[in-house]
PDB file of N, CA and C in Angstrom:
ATOM      1  N   MET A   1     -98.122-219.882  30.141  1.00  0.00           N
ATOM      2  CA  MET A   1     -98.396-219.240  28.995  1.00  0.00           C
ATOM      3  C   MET A   1    -100.226-218.460  29.529  1.00  0.00           C
ATOM      4  N   SER A   2     -99.994-217.195  29.504  1.00  0.00           N
ATOM      5  CA  SER A   2    -101.617-217.085  29.653  1.00  0.00           C
ATOM      6  C   SER A   2    -101.780-216.913  27.704  1.00  0.00           C
ATOM      7  N   ASP A   3    -103.386-217.335  27.868  1.00  0.00           N
ATOM      8  CA  ASP A   3    -103.738-217.141  26.395  1.00  0.00           C
ATOM      9  C   ASP A   3    -104.888-216.700  26.491  1.00  0.00           C
ATOM     10  N   LYS A   4    -104.447-215.173  26.843  1.00  0.00           N
ATOM     11  CA  LYS A   4    -105.554-214.136  27.142  1.00  0.00           C
ATOM     12  C   LYS A   4    -106.215-213.696  25.655  1.00  0.00           C
ATOM     13  N   ARG A   5    -107.069-213.664  24.779  1.00  0.00           N
ATOM     14  CA  ARG A   5    -107.552-213.486  23.731  1.00  0.00           C
ATOM     15  C   ARG A   5    -108.054-211.631  23.373  1.00  0.00           C
ATOM     16  N   LYS A   6    -107.535-211.582  22.604  1.00  0.00           N
ATOM     17  CA  LYS A   6    -107.568-209.853  22.344  1.00  0.00           C
ATOM     18  C   LYS A   6    -109.261-209.659  22.338  1.00  0.00           C
ATOM     19  N   PRO A   7    -109.791-208.464  22.128  1.00  0.00           N
ATOM     20  CA  PRO A   7    -110.945-208.365  21.729  1.00  0.00           C
ATOM     21  C   PRO A   7    -111.835-208.133  21.006  1.00  0.00           C
ATOM     22  N   LEU A   8    -112.737-208.714  20.335  1.00  0.00           N
ATOM     23  CA  LEU A   8    -113.397-209.110  18.673  1.00  0.00           C
ATOM     24  C   LEU A   8    -113.211-207.703  18.093  1.00  0.00           C
ATOM     25  N   ALA A   9    -113.535-206.599  18.317  1.00  0.00           N
ATOM     26  CA  ALA A   9    -113.424-205.447  17.508  1.00  0.00           C
ATOM     27  C   ALA A   9    -111.478-205.450  17.523  1.00  0.00           C
ATOM     28  N   GLN A  10    -110.519-205.451  18.213  1.00  0.00           N
ATOM     29  CA  GLN A  10    -109.109-205.415  17.949  1.00  0.00           C
ATOM     30  C   GLN A  10    -109.156-206.382  16.440  1.00  0.00           C
ATOM     31  N   ARG A  11    -109.438-207.587  16.956  1.00  0.00           N
ATOM     32  CA  ARG A  11    -109.317-208.282  15.881  1.00  0.00           C
ATOM     33  C   ARG A  11    -109.356-208.545  14.518  1.00  0.00           C
ATOM     34  N   LYS A  12    -111.177-207.773  14.675  1.00  0.00           N
ATOM     35  CA  LYS A  12    -111.404-207.482  13.319  1.00  0.00           C
ATOM     36  C   LYS A  12    -110.402-206.315  12.537  1.00  0.00           C
ATOM     37  N   ALA A  13    -110.300-205.482  12.749  1.00  0.00           N
ATOM     38  CA  ALA A  13    -109.606-204.195  12.967  1.00  0.00           C
ATOM     39  C   ALA A  13    -108.565-204.689  12.281  1.00  0.00           C
ATOM     40  N   GLU A  14    -107.529-205.132  12.665  1.00  0.00           N
ATOM     41  CA  GLU A  14    -105.871-206.087  12.545  1.00  0.00           C
ATOM     42  C   GLU A  14    -105.962-206.827  11.190  1.00  0.00           C
ATOM     43  N   ALA A  15    -107.722-207.829  11.455  1.00  0.00           N
ATOM     44  CA  ALA A  15    -107.786-209.092   9.862  1.00  0.00           C
ATOM     45  C   ALA A  15    -107.883-207.642   8.801  1.00  0.00           C
ATOM     46  N   GLU A  16    -108.959-206.662   9.023  1.00  0.00           N
ATOM     47  CA  GLU A  16    -109.329-205.477   8.033  1.00  0.00           C
ATOM     48  C   GLU A  16    -107.761-205.340   7.442  1.00  0.00           C
ATOM     49  N   ARG A  17    -106.832-204.755   8.638  1.00  0.00           N
ATOM     50  CA  ARG A  17    -105.577-204.070   7.440  1.00  0.00           C
ATOM     51  C   ARG A  17    -104.833-205.058   7.208  1.00  0.00           C
ATOM     52  N   SER A  18    -104.783-206.321   7.484  1.00  0.00           N
ATOM     53  CA  SER A  18    -103.904-207.523   7.306  1.00  0.00           C
ATOM     54  C   SER A  18    -104.528-207.713   5.545  1.00  0.00           C
ATOM     55  N   GLY A  19    -105.920-207.963   5.664  1.00  0.00           N
ATOM     56  CA  GLY A  19    -106.254-208.313   3.903  1.00  0.00           C
ATOM     57  C   GLY A  19    -105.871-206.813   3.046  1.00  0.00           C
ATOM     58  N   SER A  20    -106.133-206.103   3.117  1.00  0.00           N
ATOM     59  CA  SER A  20    -106.032-204.549   2.713  1.00  0.00           C
ATOM     60  C   SER A  20    -104.580-204.610   2.579  1.00  0.00           C
ATOM     61  N   ARG A  21    -103.660-204.730   3.412  1.00  0.00           N
ATOM     62  CA  ARG A  21    -102.186-204.861   2.917  1.00  0.00           C
ATOM     63  C   ARG A  21    -102.085-205.661   1.803  1.00  0.00           C
ATOM     64  N   ALA A  22    -102.586-207.369   2.278  1.00  0.00           N
ATOM     65  CA  ALA A  22    -102.261-208.754   1.085  1.00  0.00           C
ATOM     66  C   ALA A  22    -102.836-208.213  -0.045  1.00  0.00           C
ATOM     67  N   ALA A  23    -104.408-207.072  -0.359  1.00  0.00           N
ATOM     68  CA  ALA A  23    -104.515-206.646  -1.712  1.00  0.00           C
ATOM     69  C   ALA A  23    -103.731-205.368  -2.142  1.00  0.00           C
ATOM     70  N   GLY A  24    -102.486-205.115  -1.761  1.00  0.00           N
ATOM     71  CA  GLY A  24    -101.614-204.190  -2.080  1.00  0.00           C
ATOM     72  C   GLY A  24    -101.981-202.585  -1.897  1.00  0.00           C
ATOM     73  N   TYR A  25    -102.295-202.685  -0.311  1.00  0.00           N
ATOM     74  CA  TYR A  25    -102.706-200.966  -0.765  1.00  0.00           C
ATOM     75  C   TYR A  25    -101.892-200.390   1.031  1.00  0.00           C
ATOM     76  N   CYS A  26    -101.980-199.717   0.960  1.00  0.00           N
ATOM     77  CA  CYS A  26    -101.172-198.756   1.982  1.00  0.00           C
ATOM     78  C   CYS A  26    -101.743-199.307   3.642  1.00  0.00           C
ATOM     79  N   ALA A  27    -103.319-198.671   3.680  1.00  0.00           N
ATOM     80  CA  ALA A  27    -104.208-199.459   5.012  1.00  0.00           C
ATOM     81  C   ALA A  27    -103.919-198.414   5.875  1.00  0.00           C
ATOM     82  N   LEU A  28    -103.267-197.212   5.787  1.00  0.00           N
ATOM     83  CA  LEU A  28    -103.645-196.702   7.108  1.00  0.00           C
ATOM     84  C   LEU A  28    -104.698-195.870   7.066  1.00  0.00           C
ATOM     85  N   VAL A  29    -104.999-196.387   8.485  1.00  0.00           N
ATOM     86  CA  VAL A  29    -106.625-195.728   8.998  1.00  0.00           C
ATOM     87  C   VAL A  29    -106.432-194.047   9.233  1.00  0.00           C
ATOM     88  N   HIS A  30    -107.293-193.450   8.442  1.00  0.00           N
ATOM     89  CA  HIS A  30    -107.972-192.217   9.002  1.00  0.00           C
ATOM     90  C   HIS A  30    -108.288-192.140  10.201  1.00  0.00           C
ATOM     91  N   PRO A  31    -107.547-190.656  11.023  1.00  0.00           N
ATOM     92  CA  PRO A  31    -107.325-190.393  11.875  1.00  0.00           C
ATOM     93  C   PRO A  31    -108.421-190.759  12.776  1.00  0.00           C
ATOM     94  N   ASP A  32    -109.818-189.920  12.149  1.00  0.00           N
ATOM     95  CA  ASP A  32    -111.323-189.688  12.065  1.00  0.00           C
ATOM     96  C   ASP A  32    -111.729-191.183  12.367  1.00  0.00           C
ATOM     97  N   GLY A  33    -111.554-192.018  11.437  1.00  0.00           N
ATOM     98  CA  GLY A  33    -111.916-193.193  11.135  1.00  0.00           C
ATOM     99  C   GLY A  33    -113.187-193.102   9.699  1.00  0.00           C
ATOM    100  N   GLY A  34    -113.383-193.944   9.390  1.00  0.00           N
ATOM    101  CA  GLY A  34    -114.025-194.139   8.422  1.00  0.00           C
ATOM    102  C   GLY A  34    -113.832-194.331   6.979  1.00  0.00           C
ATOM    103  N   ALA A  35    -112.183-194.349   6.817  1.00  0.00           N
ATOM    104  CA  ALA A  35    -111.865-194.288   5.419  1.00  0.00           C
ATOM    105  C   ALA A  35    -110.262-195.034   5.746  1.00  0.00           C
ATOM    106  N   SER A  36    -110.085-195.669   4.702  1.00  0.00           N
ATOM    107  CA  SER A  36    -108.215-196.546   4.838  1.00  0.00           C
ATOM    108  C   SER A  36    -107.930-195.801   3.351  1.00  0.00           C
ATOM    109  N   CYS A  37    -106.658-195.811   3.588  1.00  0.00           N
ATOM    110  CA  CYS A  37    -105.634-195.592   2.544  1.00  0.00           C
ATOM    111  C   CYS A  37    -105.778-196.807   1.433  1.00  0.00           C
ATOM    112  N   THR A  38    -106.035-196.553   0.450  1.00  0.00           N
ATOM    113  CA  THR A  38    -106.368-197.462  -0.879  1.00  0.00           C
ATOM    114  C   THR A  38    -105.024-197.029  -1.759  1.00  0.00           C
ATOM    115  N   ARG A  39    -103.987-196.748  -1.597  1.00  0.00           N
ATOM    116  CA  ARG A  39    -103.307-196.334  -2.730  1.00  0.00           C
ATOM    117  C   ARG A  39    -102.133-197.456  -2.547  1.00  0.00           C
ATOM    118  N   PRO A  40    -100.894-198.106  -3.089  1.00  0.00           N
ATOM    119  CA  PRO A  40    -100.440-198.715  -3.306  1.00  0.00           C
ATOM    120  C   PRO A  40     -99.339-198.296  -2.154  1.00  0.00           C
ATOM    121  N   PRO A  41     -98.380-199.077  -1.152  1.00  0.00           N
ATOM    122  CA  PRO A  41     -97.617-198.487  -0.608  1.00  0.00           C
ATOM    123  C   PRO A  41     -96.760-197.368  -1.119  1.00  0.00           C
ATOM    124  N   HIS A  42     -96.461-196.529  -0.352  1.00  0.00           N
ATOM    125  CA  HIS A  42     -95.777-195.258  -0.692  1.00  0.00           C
ATOM    126  C   HIS A  42     -94.915-194.459   0.207  1.00  0.00           C
ATOM    127  N   GLY A  43     -93.761-193.699  -0.137  1.00  0.00           N
ATOM    128  CA  GLY A  43     -93.341-193.471   0.493  1.00  0.00           C
ATOM    129  C   GLY A  43     -93.501-191.514   1.389  1.00  0.00           C
ATOM    130  N   ASP A  44     -94.816-191.249   0.648  1.00  0.00           N
ATOM    131  CA  ASP A  44     -95.004-189.581   0.821  1.00  0.00           C
ATOM    132  C   ASP A  44     -96.170-189.621   1.790  1.00  0.00           C
ATOM    133  N   ARG A  45     -96.253-188.228   2.738  1.00  0.00           N
ATOM    134  CA  ARG A  45     -97.439-188.523   3.886  1.00  0.00           C
ATOM    135  C   ARG A  45     -98.546-188.352   3.594  1.00  0.00           C
ATOM    136  N   ARG A  46     -99.380-188.329   2.144  1.00  0.00           N
ATOM    137  CA  ARG A  46    -100.629-188.022   1.680  1.00  0.00           C
ATOM    138  C   ARG A  46    -101.283-189.765   0.941  1.00  0.00           C
ATOM    139  N   HIS A  47    -102.259-189.499   1.431  1.00  0.00           N
ATOM    140  CA  HIS A  47    -103.192-190.947   1.923  1.00  0.00           C
ATOM    141  C   HIS A  47    -104.577-190.485   0.974  1.00  0.00           C
ATOM    142  N   VAL A  48    -105.132-191.620   0.662  1.00  0.00           N
ATOM    143  CA  VAL A  48    -106.323-191.591  -0.488  1.00  0.00           C
ATOM    144  C   VAL A  48    -107.295-192.581  -0.170  1.00  0.00           C
ATOM    145  N   ASP A  49    -108.313-192.521   0.501  1.00  0.00           N
ATOM    146  CA  ASP A  49    -109.254-193.520   0.500  1.00  0.00           C
ATOM    147  C   ASP A  49    -110.318-192.656  -0.973  1.00  0.00           C
ATOM    148  N   HIS A  50    -109.896-194.285  -1.965  1.00  0.00           N
ATOM    149  CA  HIS A  50    -110.265-194.146  -3.230  1.00  0.00           C
ATOM    150  C   HIS A  50    -112.195-194.592  -3.358  1.00  0.00           C
ATOM    151  N   TYR A  51    -112.448-195.092  -2.121  1.00  0.00           N
ATOM    152  CA  TYR A  51    -114.075-195.744  -2.308  1.00  0.00           C
ATOM    153  C   TYR A  51    -114.923-195.028  -1.531  1.00  0.00           C
ATOM    154  N   ASN A  52    -114.349-194.527  -0.032  1.00  0.00           N
ATOM    155  CA  ASN A  52    -115.638-194.451   1.054  1.00  0.00           C
ATOM    156  C   ASN A  52    -115.025-192.379   0.873  1.00  0.00           C
ATOM    157  N   GLY A  53    -116.263-191.850   1.206  1.00  0.00           N
ATOM    158  CA  GLY A  53    -115.894-190.201   0.890  1.00  0.00           C
ATOM    159  C   GLY A  53    -115.865-189.446  -0.316  1.00  0.00           C
ATOM    160  N   ARG A  54    -116.555-190.538  -1.645  1.00  0.00           N
ATOM    161  CA  ARG A  54    -116.791-189.639  -2.622  1.00  0.00           C
ATOM    162  C   ARG A  54    -117.856-189.133  -2.444  1.00  0.00           C
ATOM    163  N   LYS A  55    -118.407-187.808  -3.113  1.00  0.00           N
ATOM    164  CA  LYS A  55    -119.322-186.960  -3.417  1.00  0.00           C
ATOM    165  C   LYS A  55    -120.280-187.069  -4.235  1.00  0.00           C
ATOM    166  N   GLN A  56    -119.599-188.115  -5.471  1.00  0.00           N
ATOM    167  CA  GLN A  56    -120.717-188.350  -6.707  1.00  0.00           C
ATOM    168  C   GLN A  56    -120.056-190.106  -6.822  1.00  0.00           C
ATOM    169  N   LEU A  57    -120.917-190.445  -7.331  1.00  0.00           N
ATOM    170  CA  LEU A  57    -120.637-191.734  -8.144  1.00  0.00           C
ATOM    171  C   LEU A  57    -119.193-191.893  -8.710  1.00  0.00           C
ATOM    172  N   GLY A  58    -119.113-190.800  -9.859  1.00  0.00           N
ATOM    173  CA  GLY A  58    -118.223-190.670 -10.783  1.00  0.00           C
ATOM    174  C   GLY A  58    -117.121-189.899 -10.194  1.00  0.00           C
ATOM    175  N   ASP A  59    -116.785-190.000  -9.305  1.00  0.00           N
ATOM    176  CA  ASP A  59    -115.416-189.143  -8.379  1.00  0.00           C
ATOM    177  C   ASP A  59    -114.568-190.030  -8.496  1.00  0.00           C
ATOM    178  N   ALA A  60    -113.275-189.700  -8.680  1.00  0.00           N
ATOM    179  CA  ALA A  60    -111.871-190.741  -9.141  1.00  0.00           C
ATOM    180  C   ALA A  60    -111.673-191.141  -7.460  1.00  0.00           C
ATOM    181  N   SER A  61    -112.027-190.271  -6.448  1.00  0.00           N
ATOM    182  CA  SER A  61    -111.371-190.490  -5.032  1.00  0.00           C
ATOM    183  C   SER A  61    -112.137-189.665  -4.211  1.00  0.00           C
ATOM    184  N   GLY A  62    -112.209-190.350  -2.737  1.00  0.00           N
ATOM    185  CA  GLY A  62    -113.005-189.905  -1.640  1.00  0.00           C
ATOM    186  C   GLY A  62    -112.238-188.951  -0.465  1.00  0.00           C
ATOM    187  N   THR A  63    -112.202-189.235   0.391  1.00  0.00           N
ATOM    188  CA  THR A  63    -111.486-188.790   1.595  1.00  0.00           C
ATOM    189  C   THR A  63    -109.817-189.197   1.060  1.00  0.00           C
ATOM    190  N   GLU A  64    -109.078-187.514   1.307  1.00  0.00           N
ATOM    191  CA  GLU A  64    -108.103-187.286   1.361  1.00  0.00           C
ATOM    192  C   GLU A  64    -107.113-187.093   2.677  1.00  0.00           C
ATOM    193  N   TRP A  65    -106.075-187.390   3.123  1.00  0.00           N
ATOM    194  CA  TRP A  65    -105.534-186.574   4.391  1.00  0.00           C
ATOM    195  C   TRP A  65    -104.112-186.834   3.961  1.00  0.00           C
ATOM    196  N   VAL A  66    -103.522-185.923   4.970  1.00  0.00           N
ATOM    197  CA  VAL A  66    -101.819-185.831   5.158  1.00  0.00           C
ATOM    198  C   VAL A  66    -101.561-186.592   6.186  1.00  0.00           C
ATOM    199  N   GLU A  67    -100.951-187.198   6.535  1.00  0.00           N
ATOM    200  CA  GLU A  67    -100.137-187.989   7.913  1.00  0.00           C
ATOM    201  C   GLU A  67     -99.495-187.128   8.485  1.00  0.00           C
TER     202      GLU A  67
END
């Protein structure tokens, strides 16, 4: 049995996605990085990160993309 560990960066990314899913988010990562979908799990292809990419503090959403 080989006990080869995953690289730290991969383990951290998996832990972040797992935590986001546990919090009720879709958690799909933006293709360019720097954002992940903070909508509840959904069937459409539209994704929004309500926290990252906002132009002003009062904006309702930040980065948006279509899968």
